[in-house]
Amino acid sequence: MKPAPLSRETLLPKLAAHVLEHGLGSASLRPLAKAAETSDRMLIYHFGKKEQLITDVLGYIAGIYSAALDAAMGEERATSRQQCIARILAQGREPAMQPFMVLWWEIVAGSARGVPGYREAAEQMMSELLAWLETQMPEDDPDPVGGARYLLTVIEGSLMLSAVGHARTAREGMIASGL
């Protein structure tokens, strides 16, 4: 069987798998090309420049993550903020989601360190997540925009605490706040 012709669409899944497994630190052209079974010149041909390649890979990964969150939310909209946050946190703690979480914290750390492109990527991802979260708020929520911002803050804090070994602190904090 003849391999699929190279295109952005055929390269992105392989590049995303490499970045999820190895992080952005190994996202130089040669390792990415090897993971995609092509050459670094072909990557430049298809993406224009390395920065665009990374942007597109992160966008592709964000799409996978978004689809997983949509699936976790189920067919029915959450009936409370508590139910909404419980669904999202449960999904974020799934073993299959851990590569996404590790990559997210790498982007956050890079943003804090001023690594070029990381802050922009983090801002875009957070804006998209916030917009999505607004659509997940309960239909009768009195302030879905404010509620989404509140829940995003709690979600990020909880996942960060869990990432550094303080899942219990996160759980107890949410219980104390009524979540």
N, C-alpha and C. Protein backbone atom coordinates (compact mmCIF):
# COMPACT_ATOMS: atom_id res chain seq x y z
N MET A 1 0.84 -1.18 0.00
CA MET A 1 0.00 0.00 0.00
C MET A 1 0.89 1.25 0.00
N LYS A 2 0.54 2.17 -0.83
CA LYS A 2 1.31 3.40 -0.98
C LYS A 2 1.05 4.34 0.21
N PRO A 3 2.13 4.92 0.80
CA PRO A 3 1.92 5.84 1.93
C PRO A 3 1.17 7.09 1.49
N ALA A 4 0.45 7.66 2.43
CA ALA A 4 -0.30 8.89 2.14
C ALA A 4 0.67 10.00 1.75
N PRO A 5 0.30 10.83 0.79
CA PRO A 5 1.20 11.93 0.42
C PRO A 5 1.37 12.89 1.60
N LEU A 6 2.54 13.49 1.66
CA LEU A 6 2.81 14.44 2.74
C LEU A 6 1.97 15.69 2.58
N SER A 7 1.37 16.10 3.65
CA SER A 7 0.61 17.35 3.71
C SER A 7 0.58 17.77 5.17
N ARG A 8 0.14 18.97 5.40
CA ARG A 8 0.00 19.43 6.78
C ARG A 8 -0.90 18.47 7.56
N GLU A 9 -1.96 18.02 6.90
CA GLU A 9 -2.94 17.15 7.56
C GLU A 9 -2.37 15.79 7.91
N THR A 10 -1.47 15.27 7.10
CA THR A 10 -0.88 13.97 7.41
C THR A 10 0.31 14.11 8.37
N LEU A 11 0.95 15.27 8.39
CA LEU A 11 2.09 15.49 9.27
C LEU A 11 1.67 15.83 10.70
N LEU A 12 0.61 16.59 10.85
CA LEU A 12 0.23 17.09 12.19
C LEU A 12 0.02 15.98 13.23
N PRO A 13 -0.67 14.88 12.92
CA PRO A 13 -0.83 13.85 13.96
C PRO A 13 0.51 13.28 14.45
N LYS A 14 1.45 13.07 13.55
CA LYS A 14 2.76 12.54 13.94
C LYS A 14 3.54 13.57 14.76
N LEU A 15 3.49 14.82 14.33
CA LEU A 15 4.19 15.88 15.05
C LEU A 15 3.58 16.07 16.43
N ALA A 16 2.26 16.04 16.51
CA ALA A 16 1.58 16.20 17.80
C ALA A 16 1.94 15.06 18.75
N ALA A 17 1.96 13.84 18.23
CA ALA A 17 2.32 12.69 19.07
C ALA A 17 3.73 12.87 19.63
N HIS A 18 4.65 13.36 18.80
CA HIS A 18 6.02 13.58 19.26
C HIS A 18 6.06 14.64 20.36
N VAL A 19 5.39 15.75 20.15
CA VAL A 19 5.39 16.83 21.14
C VAL A 19 4.72 16.38 22.44
N LEU A 20 3.64 15.64 22.35
CA LEU A 20 2.97 15.15 23.56
C LEU A 20 3.86 14.17 24.33
N GLU A 21 4.65 13.39 23.62
CA GLU A 21 5.52 12.42 24.29
C GLU A 21 6.80 13.06 24.82
N HIS A 22 7.37 13.99 24.05
CA HIS A 22 8.70 14.51 24.39
C HIS A 22 8.72 15.97 24.82
N GLY A 23 7.63 16.68 24.67
CA GLY A 23 7.58 18.08 25.05
C GLY A 23 8.10 19.01 23.98
N LEU A 24 8.02 20.28 24.27
CA LEU A 24 8.47 21.29 23.32
C LEU A 24 9.98 21.45 23.30
N GLY A 25 10.64 21.02 24.36
CA GLY A 25 12.08 21.12 24.42
C GLY A 25 12.78 20.36 23.31
N SER A 26 12.16 19.28 22.85
CA SER A 26 12.75 18.50 21.76
C SER A 26 12.05 18.79 20.44
N ALA A 27 11.41 19.94 20.37
CA ALA A 27 10.66 20.29 19.16
C ALA A 27 11.51 21.08 18.17
N SER A 28 12.75 20.65 17.99
CA SER A 28 13.55 21.26 16.93
C SER A 28 13.25 20.50 15.64
N LEU A 29 13.66 21.06 14.54
CA LEU A 29 13.24 20.52 13.24
C LEU A 29 13.68 19.07 13.00
N ARG A 30 14.89 18.73 13.35
CA ARG A 30 15.36 17.37 13.04
C ARG A 30 14.58 16.29 13.80
N PRO A 31 14.40 16.42 15.13
CA PRO A 31 13.59 15.40 15.82
C PRO A 31 12.13 15.37 15.34
N LEU A 32 11.59 16.54 15.03
CA LEU A 32 10.21 16.56 14.52
C LEU A 32 10.14 15.87 13.15
N ALA A 33 11.11 16.16 12.29
CA ALA A 33 11.13 15.53 10.97
C ALA A 33 11.26 14.02 11.10
N LYS A 34 12.13 13.57 11.99
CA LYS A 34 12.30 12.13 12.20
C LYS A 34 10.99 11.50 12.67
N ALA A 35 10.31 12.16 13.61
CA ALA A 35 9.03 11.65 14.10
C ALA A 35 7.98 11.59 13.00
N ALA A 36 8.04 12.53 12.07
CA ALA A 36 7.07 12.58 10.97
C ALA A 36 7.52 11.77 9.76
N GLU A 37 8.69 11.13 9.89
CA GLU A 37 9.24 10.31 8.81
C GLU A 37 9.44 11.11 7.52
N THR A 38 10.02 12.29 7.70
CA THR A 38 10.31 13.16 6.55
C THR A 38 11.58 13.94 6.86
N SER A 39 11.85 14.96 6.10
CA SER A 39 13.04 15.78 6.32
C SER A 39 12.65 17.13 6.90
N ASP A 40 13.63 17.79 7.52
CA ASP A 40 13.36 19.12 8.05
C ASP A 40 12.99 20.09 6.92
N ARG A 41 13.56 19.89 5.74
CA ARG A 41 13.21 20.75 4.59
C ARG A 41 11.75 20.58 4.20
N MET A 42 11.24 19.36 4.30
CA MET A 42 9.83 19.14 3.95
C MET A 42 8.91 19.78 4.99
N LEU A 43 9.33 19.79 6.23
CA LEU A 43 8.53 20.47 7.24
C LEU A 43 8.46 21.97 6.94
N ILE A 44 9.59 22.56 6.58
CA ILE A 44 9.61 23.98 6.23
C ILE A 44 8.76 24.21 4.98
N TYR A 45 8.84 23.31 4.03
CA TYR A 45 8.03 23.42 2.81
C TYR A 45 6.53 23.48 3.16
N HIS A 46 6.10 22.60 4.08
CA HIS A 46 4.67 22.52 4.40
C HIS A 46 4.20 23.57 5.40
N PHE A 47 5.10 24.05 6.27
CA PHE A 47 4.67 24.98 7.32
C PHE A 47 5.28 26.38 7.19
N GLY A 48 6.23 26.56 6.31
CA GLY A 48 6.80 27.88 6.09
C GLY A 48 7.99 28.19 6.97
N LYS A 49 7.80 28.09 8.26
CA LYS A 49 8.89 28.33 9.21
C LYS A 49 8.59 27.56 10.49
N LYS A 50 9.61 27.39 11.30
CA LYS A 50 9.46 26.58 12.52
C LYS A 50 8.39 27.15 13.44
N GLU A 51 8.34 28.46 13.58
CA GLU A 51 7.36 29.07 14.48
C GLU A 51 5.93 28.72 14.05
N GLN A 52 5.69 28.73 12.73
CA GLN A 52 4.36 28.37 12.24
C GLN A 52 4.08 26.90 12.48
N LEU A 53 5.08 26.06 12.30
CA LEU A 53 4.93 24.63 12.55
C LEU A 53 4.51 24.40 14.00
N ILE A 54 5.20 25.04 14.95
CA ILE A 54 4.88 24.87 16.37
C ILE A 54 3.48 25.40 16.66
N THR A 55 3.14 26.56 16.11
CA THR A 55 1.79 27.12 16.29
C THR A 55 0.73 26.14 15.79
N ASP A 56 0.96 25.58 14.62
CA ASP A 56 -0.01 24.64 14.05
C ASP A 56 -0.09 23.34 14.86
N VAL A 57 1.04 22.86 15.33
CA VAL A 57 1.04 21.64 16.16
C VAL A 57 0.29 21.90 17.45
N LEU A 58 0.56 23.03 18.10
CA LEU A 58 -0.15 23.34 19.35
C LEU A 58 -1.65 23.52 19.10
N GLY A 59 -2.00 24.13 17.98
CA GLY A 59 -3.42 24.25 17.64
C GLY A 59 -4.07 22.90 17.42
N TYR A 60 -3.36 22.00 16.78
CA TYR A 60 -3.86 20.65 16.55
C TYR A 60 -4.05 19.92 17.88
N ILE A 61 -3.06 20.03 18.75
CA ILE A 61 -3.15 19.40 20.07
C ILE A 61 -4.30 20.00 20.88
N ALA A 62 -4.47 21.31 20.80
CA ALA A 62 -5.59 21.95 21.51
C ALA A 62 -6.92 21.42 21.00
N GLY A 63 -7.00 21.14 19.72
CA GLY A 63 -8.23 20.56 19.16
C GLY A 63 -8.53 19.18 19.72
N ILE A 64 -7.49 18.37 19.87
CA ILE A 64 -7.67 17.03 20.46
C ILE A 64 -8.14 17.16 21.91
N TYR A 65 -7.50 18.07 22.64
CA TYR A 65 -7.86 18.29 24.04
C TYR A 65 -9.30 18.79 24.15
N SER A 66 -9.66 19.70 23.28
CA SER A 66 -11.01 20.25 23.27
C SER A 66 -12.05 19.16 23.01
N ALA A 67 -11.76 18.28 22.06
CA ALA A 67 -12.69 17.19 21.76
C ALA A 67 -12.85 16.27 22.97
N ALA A 68 -11.75 16.02 23.69
CA ALA A 68 -11.83 15.18 24.89
C ALA A 68 -12.67 15.86 25.97
N LEU A 69 -12.52 17.17 26.11
CA LEU A 69 -13.35 17.89 27.09
C LEU A 69 -14.82 17.86 26.69
N ASP A 70 -15.10 18.05 25.41
CA ASP A 70 -16.48 17.98 24.94
C ASP A 70 -17.10 16.63 25.27
N ALA A 71 -16.34 15.57 25.02
CA ALA A 71 -16.83 14.22 25.31
C ALA A 71 -17.07 14.04 26.81
N ALA A 72 -16.18 14.59 27.64
CA ALA A 72 -16.32 14.46 29.09
C ALA A 72 -17.54 15.20 29.61
N MET A 73 -17.92 16.26 28.94
CA MET A 73 -19.07 17.04 29.41
C MET A 73 -20.39 16.33 29.14
N GLY A 74 -20.40 15.39 28.23
CA GLY A 74 -21.60 14.62 27.97
C GLY A 74 -22.59 15.38 27.10
N GLU A 75 -23.67 14.71 26.84
CA GLU A 75 -24.71 15.29 25.98
C GLU A 75 -25.50 16.39 26.68
N GLU A 76 -25.69 16.22 27.98
CA GLU A 76 -26.50 17.19 28.72
C GLU A 76 -25.61 18.24 29.37
N ARG A 77 -26.08 19.46 29.31
CA ARG A 77 -25.35 20.56 29.92
C ARG A 77 -25.35 20.38 31.44
N ALA A 78 -24.27 20.81 32.07
CA ALA A 78 -24.19 20.73 33.53
C ALA A 78 -25.34 21.52 34.15
N THR A 79 -25.84 21.02 35.27
CA THR A 79 -26.94 21.72 35.94
C THR A 79 -26.45 22.67 37.03
N SER A 80 -25.15 22.60 37.34
CA SER A 80 -24.58 23.49 38.35
C SER A 80 -23.11 23.73 38.03
N ARG A 81 -22.57 24.77 38.63
CA ARG A 81 -21.14 25.02 38.48
C ARG A 81 -20.34 23.85 39.06
N GLN A 82 -20.82 23.29 40.15
CA GLN A 82 -20.14 22.17 40.78
C GLN A 82 -20.06 20.98 39.83
N GLN A 83 -21.16 20.69 39.16
CA GLN A 83 -21.17 19.57 38.23
C GLN A 83 -20.24 19.85 37.04
N CYS A 84 -20.24 21.07 36.57
CA CYS A 84 -19.37 21.46 35.46
C CYS A 84 -17.90 21.26 35.83
N ILE A 85 -17.52 21.79 36.97
CA ILE A 85 -16.11 21.68 37.38
C ILE A 85 -15.74 20.22 37.68
N ALA A 86 -16.65 19.46 38.25
CA ALA A 86 -16.36 18.05 38.55
C ALA A 86 -16.07 17.27 37.27
N ARG A 87 -16.86 17.52 36.23
CA ARG A 87 -16.65 16.83 34.95
C ARG A 87 -15.29 17.19 34.35
N ILE A 88 -14.96 18.47 34.37
CA ILE A 88 -13.71 18.93 33.77
C ILE A 88 -12.51 18.40 34.55
N LEU A 89 -12.56 18.47 35.86
CA LEU A 89 -11.44 17.99 36.68
C LEU A 89 -11.27 16.48 36.56
N ALA A 90 -12.39 15.75 36.49
CA ALA A 90 -12.30 14.30 36.32
C ALA A 90 -11.59 13.98 35.01
N GLN A 91 -11.93 14.70 33.96
CA GLN A 91 -11.27 14.46 32.67
C GLN A 91 -9.80 14.84 32.73
N GLY A 92 -9.49 15.97 33.37
CA GLY A 92 -8.11 16.42 33.48
C GLY A 92 -7.22 15.47 34.26
N ARG A 93 -7.82 14.65 35.10
CA ARG A 93 -7.05 13.70 35.91
C ARG A 93 -6.93 12.32 35.26
N GLU A 94 -7.59 12.12 34.14
CA GLU A 94 -7.51 10.83 33.44
C GLU A 94 -6.08 10.60 32.95
N PRO A 95 -5.59 9.37 33.04
CA PRO A 95 -4.23 9.08 32.57
C PRO A 95 -3.98 9.50 31.12
N ALA A 96 -4.97 9.34 30.25
CA ALA A 96 -4.80 9.72 28.84
C ALA A 96 -4.61 11.22 28.67
N MET A 97 -5.03 12.00 29.65
CA MET A 97 -4.90 13.46 29.55
C MET A 97 -3.58 13.97 30.12
N GLN A 98 -2.82 13.12 30.79
CA GLN A 98 -1.60 13.59 31.43
C GLN A 98 -0.57 14.18 30.46
N PRO A 99 -0.39 13.62 29.27
CA PRO A 99 0.55 14.28 28.35
C PRO A 99 0.12 15.71 28.00
N PHE A 100 -1.18 15.95 27.91
CA PHE A 100 -1.68 17.30 27.63
C PHE A 100 -1.38 18.23 28.81
N MET A 101 -1.57 17.70 30.02
CA MET A 101 -1.32 18.52 31.21
C MET A 101 0.16 18.86 31.33
N VAL A 102 1.03 17.88 31.07
CA VAL A 102 2.48 18.11 31.15
C VAL A 102 2.88 19.17 30.12
N LEU A 103 2.35 19.05 28.91
CA LEU A 103 2.65 20.03 27.88
C LEU A 103 2.14 21.41 28.29
N TRP A 104 0.94 21.46 28.86
CA TRP A 104 0.38 22.75 29.30
C TRP A 104 1.30 23.41 30.33
N TRP A 105 1.77 22.64 31.31
CA TRP A 105 2.64 23.24 32.33
C TRP A 105 3.99 23.65 31.74
N GLU A 106 4.43 22.95 30.71
CA GLU A 106 5.65 23.38 30.01
C GLU A 106 5.42 24.73 29.33
N ILE A 107 4.26 24.90 28.73
CA ILE A 107 3.93 26.18 28.08
C ILE A 107 3.81 27.28 29.13
N VAL A 108 3.18 26.98 30.26
CA VAL A 108 3.05 27.97 31.34
C VAL A 108 4.43 28.38 31.84
N ALA A 109 5.30 27.41 32.08
CA ALA A 109 6.66 27.72 32.57
C ALA A 109 7.42 28.55 31.53
N GLY A 110 7.31 28.17 30.27
CA GLY A 110 7.98 28.93 29.22
C GLY A 110 7.45 30.35 29.13
N SER A 111 6.16 30.50 29.31
CA SER A 111 5.56 31.84 29.30
C SER A 111 6.11 32.67 30.45
N ALA A 112 6.19 32.07 31.62
CA ALA A 112 6.72 32.78 32.80
C ALA A 112 8.18 33.16 32.61
N ARG A 113 8.93 32.33 31.88
CA ARG A 113 10.35 32.60 31.63
C ARG A 113 10.58 33.56 30.46
N GLY A 114 9.51 33.89 29.74
CA GLY A 114 9.65 34.79 28.60
C GLY A 114 10.15 34.12 27.33
N VAL A 115 9.98 32.80 27.22
CA VAL A 115 10.39 32.10 26.01
C VAL A 115 9.54 32.60 24.85
N PRO A 116 10.17 33.03 23.76
CA PRO A 116 9.42 33.58 22.63
C PRO A 116 8.32 32.63 22.14
N GLY A 117 7.13 33.17 21.98
CA GLY A 117 5.98 32.43 21.47
C GLY A 117 5.16 31.72 22.52
N TYR A 118 5.72 31.45 23.68
CA TYR A 118 4.99 30.70 24.69
C TYR A 118 3.84 31.52 25.28
N ARG A 119 4.10 32.78 25.58
CA ARG A 119 3.04 33.60 26.17
C ARG A 119 1.86 33.74 25.21
N GLU A 120 2.18 33.96 23.94
CA GLU A 120 1.12 34.08 22.94
C GLU A 120 0.32 32.79 22.84
N ALA A 121 1.02 31.66 22.86
CA ALA A 121 0.33 30.36 22.79
C ALA A 121 -0.55 30.17 24.02
N ALA A 122 -0.01 30.50 25.20
CA ALA A 122 -0.78 30.34 26.43
C ALA A 122 -2.00 31.27 26.44
N GLU A 123 -1.82 32.50 26.02
CA GLU A 123 -2.95 33.44 25.98
C GLU A 123 -4.04 32.95 25.04
N GLN A 124 -3.65 32.46 23.87
CA GLN A 124 -4.63 31.96 22.91
C GLN A 124 -5.36 30.74 23.47
N MET A 125 -4.62 29.82 24.06
CA MET A 125 -5.24 28.62 24.61
C MET A 125 -6.21 28.97 25.74
N MET A 126 -5.80 29.88 26.62
CA MET A 126 -6.68 30.27 27.72
C MET A 126 -7.92 30.99 27.22
N SER A 127 -7.76 31.84 26.22
CA SER A 127 -8.92 32.55 25.66
C SER A 127 -9.92 31.56 25.06
N GLU A 128 -9.40 30.58 24.34
CA GLU A 128 -10.28 29.57 23.74
C GLU A 128 -10.93 28.70 24.80
N LEU A 129 -10.19 28.33 25.83
CA LEU A 129 -10.75 27.52 26.91
C LEU A 129 -11.81 28.31 27.67
N LEU A 130 -11.55 29.57 27.90
CA LEU A 130 -12.52 30.41 28.60
C LEU A 130 -13.81 30.55 27.78
N ALA A 131 -13.69 30.80 26.49
CA ALA A 131 -14.88 30.91 25.63
C ALA A 131 -15.66 29.60 25.64
N TRP A 132 -14.94 28.47 25.58
CA TRP A 132 -15.61 27.17 25.62
C TRP A 132 -16.31 26.98 26.96
N LEU A 133 -15.63 27.34 28.04
CA LEU A 133 -16.19 27.16 29.38
C LEU A 133 -17.47 27.98 29.55
N GLU A 134 -17.52 29.16 28.96
CA GLU A 134 -18.75 29.98 29.03
C GLU A 134 -19.93 29.22 28.43
N THR A 135 -19.69 28.43 27.39
CA THR A 135 -20.78 27.67 26.76
C THR A 135 -21.18 26.45 27.59
N GLN A 136 -20.36 26.08 28.56
CA GLN A 136 -20.64 24.91 29.39
C GLN A 136 -21.33 25.27 30.70
N MET A 137 -21.43 26.54 30.98
CA MET A 137 -22.07 26.95 32.25
C MET A 137 -23.54 26.53 32.24
N PRO A 138 -24.11 26.25 33.41
CA PRO A 138 -25.52 25.87 33.47
C PRO A 138 -26.39 26.93 32.80
N GLU A 139 -27.45 26.48 32.15
CA GLU A 139 -28.32 27.41 31.42
C GLU A 139 -28.90 28.50 32.32
N ASP A 140 -29.16 28.17 33.58
CA ASP A 140 -29.76 29.16 34.49
C ASP A 140 -28.73 29.92 35.32
N ASP A 141 -27.45 29.81 34.96
CA ASP A 141 -26.41 30.50 35.71
C ASP A 141 -26.64 32.01 35.60
N PRO A 142 -26.65 32.71 36.73
CA PRO A 142 -26.93 34.15 36.70
C PRO A 142 -25.81 34.99 36.06
N ASP A 143 -24.59 34.47 36.02
CA ASP A 143 -23.46 35.21 35.46
C ASP A 143 -22.50 34.22 34.79
N PRO A 144 -22.87 33.72 33.59
CA PRO A 144 -22.03 32.70 32.95
C PRO A 144 -20.62 33.20 32.61
N VAL A 145 -20.47 34.47 32.27
CA VAL A 145 -19.15 35.00 31.95
C VAL A 145 -18.29 35.03 33.20
N GLY A 146 -18.81 35.60 34.28
CA GLY A 146 -18.07 35.63 35.54
C GLY A 146 -17.86 34.24 36.11
N GLY A 147 -18.88 33.40 35.98
CA GLY A 147 -18.77 32.02 36.46
C GLY A 147 -17.70 31.25 35.73
N ALA A 148 -17.61 31.44 34.42
CA ALA A 148 -16.59 30.74 33.64
C ALA A 148 -15.19 31.19 34.09
N ARG A 149 -15.03 32.47 34.36
CA ARG A 149 -13.73 32.96 34.81
C ARG A 149 -13.38 32.40 36.20
N TYR A 150 -14.37 32.34 37.04
CA TYR A 150 -14.17 31.78 38.38
C TYR A 150 -13.77 30.30 38.28
N LEU A 151 -14.53 29.54 37.48
CA LEU A 151 -14.24 28.11 37.36
C LEU A 151 -12.89 27.87 36.69
N LEU A 152 -12.53 28.69 35.71
CA LEU A 152 -11.22 28.53 35.07
C LEU A 152 -10.10 28.72 36.10
N THR A 153 -10.27 29.70 36.97
CA THR A 153 -9.28 29.94 38.01
C THR A 153 -9.18 28.74 38.95
N VAL A 154 -10.32 28.21 39.35
CA VAL A 154 -10.34 27.05 40.25
C VAL A 154 -9.76 25.82 39.55
N ILE A 155 -10.13 25.61 38.30
CA ILE A 155 -9.64 24.44 37.55
C ILE A 155 -8.13 24.51 37.41
N GLU A 156 -7.62 25.64 36.96
CA GLU A 156 -6.17 25.77 36.78
C GLU A 156 -5.44 25.59 38.10
N GLY A 157 -5.95 26.21 39.15
CA GLY A 157 -5.32 26.07 40.46
C GLY A 157 -5.33 24.64 40.95
N SER A 158 -6.47 23.98 40.77
CA SER A 158 -6.59 22.59 41.22
C SER A 158 -5.66 21.67 40.45
N LEU A 159 -5.61 21.82 39.13
CA LEU A 159 -4.74 20.98 38.32
C LEU A 159 -3.27 21.25 38.62
N MET A 160 -2.92 22.52 38.87
CA MET A 160 -1.54 22.85 39.22
C MET A 160 -1.18 22.22 40.56
N LEU A 161 -2.05 22.33 41.54
CA LEU A 161 -1.76 21.72 42.84
C LEU A 161 -1.61 20.21 42.71
N SER A 162 -2.46 19.60 41.90
CA SER A 162 -2.34 18.15 41.68
C SER A 162 -1.02 17.81 41.00
N ALA A 163 -0.59 18.63 40.05
CA ALA A 163 0.65 18.38 39.31
C ALA A 163 1.88 18.42 40.22
N VAL A 164 1.79 19.16 41.32
CA VAL A 164 2.94 19.26 42.23
C VAL A 164 2.73 18.45 43.51
N GLY A 165 1.81 17.48 43.45
CA GLY A 165 1.63 16.56 44.57
C GLY A 165 0.68 17.03 45.66
N HIS A 166 -0.14 18.03 45.36
CA HIS A 166 -1.07 18.54 46.36
C HIS A 166 -2.53 18.38 45.94
N ALA A 167 -2.86 17.21 45.39
CA ALA A 167 -4.24 16.95 44.99
C ALA A 167 -5.18 17.04 46.19
N ARG A 168 -4.71 16.57 47.34
CA ARG A 168 -5.54 16.64 48.55
C ARG A 168 -5.82 18.09 48.93
N THR A 169 -4.81 18.94 48.84
CA THR A 169 -5.00 20.36 49.12
C THR A 169 -6.06 20.94 48.19
N ALA A 170 -5.99 20.59 46.92
CA ALA A 170 -6.96 21.07 45.93
C ALA A 170 -8.37 20.60 46.28
N ARG A 171 -8.51 19.31 46.59
CA ARG A 171 -9.84 18.77 46.94
C ARG A 171 -10.39 19.46 48.18
N GLU A 172 -9.56 19.58 49.20
CA GLU A 172 -10.03 20.20 50.46
C GLU A 172 -10.37 21.67 50.26
N GLY A 173 -9.62 22.36 49.41
CA GLY A 173 -9.91 23.75 49.11
C GLY A 173 -11.23 23.90 48.39
N MET A 174 -11.52 22.99 47.47
CA MET A 174 -12.80 23.06 46.75
C MET A 174 -13.96 22.73 47.68
N ILE A 175 -13.77 21.79 48.56
CA ILE A 175 -14.82 21.48 49.53
C ILE A 175 -15.09 22.68 50.42
N ALA A 176 -14.02 23.31 50.88
CA ALA A 176 -14.17 24.49 51.75
C ALA A 176 -14.87 25.64 51.05
N SER A 177 -14.69 25.73 49.72
CA SER A 177 -15.33 26.82 48.97
C SER A 177 -16.72 26.46 48.48
N GLY A 178 -17.16 25.25 48.76
CA GLY A 178 -18.50 24.84 48.35
C GLY A 178 -18.55 24.20 46.97
N LEU A 179 -17.40 23.94 46.39
CA LEU A 179 -17.36 23.27 45.10
C LEU A 179 -17.12 21.79 45.32
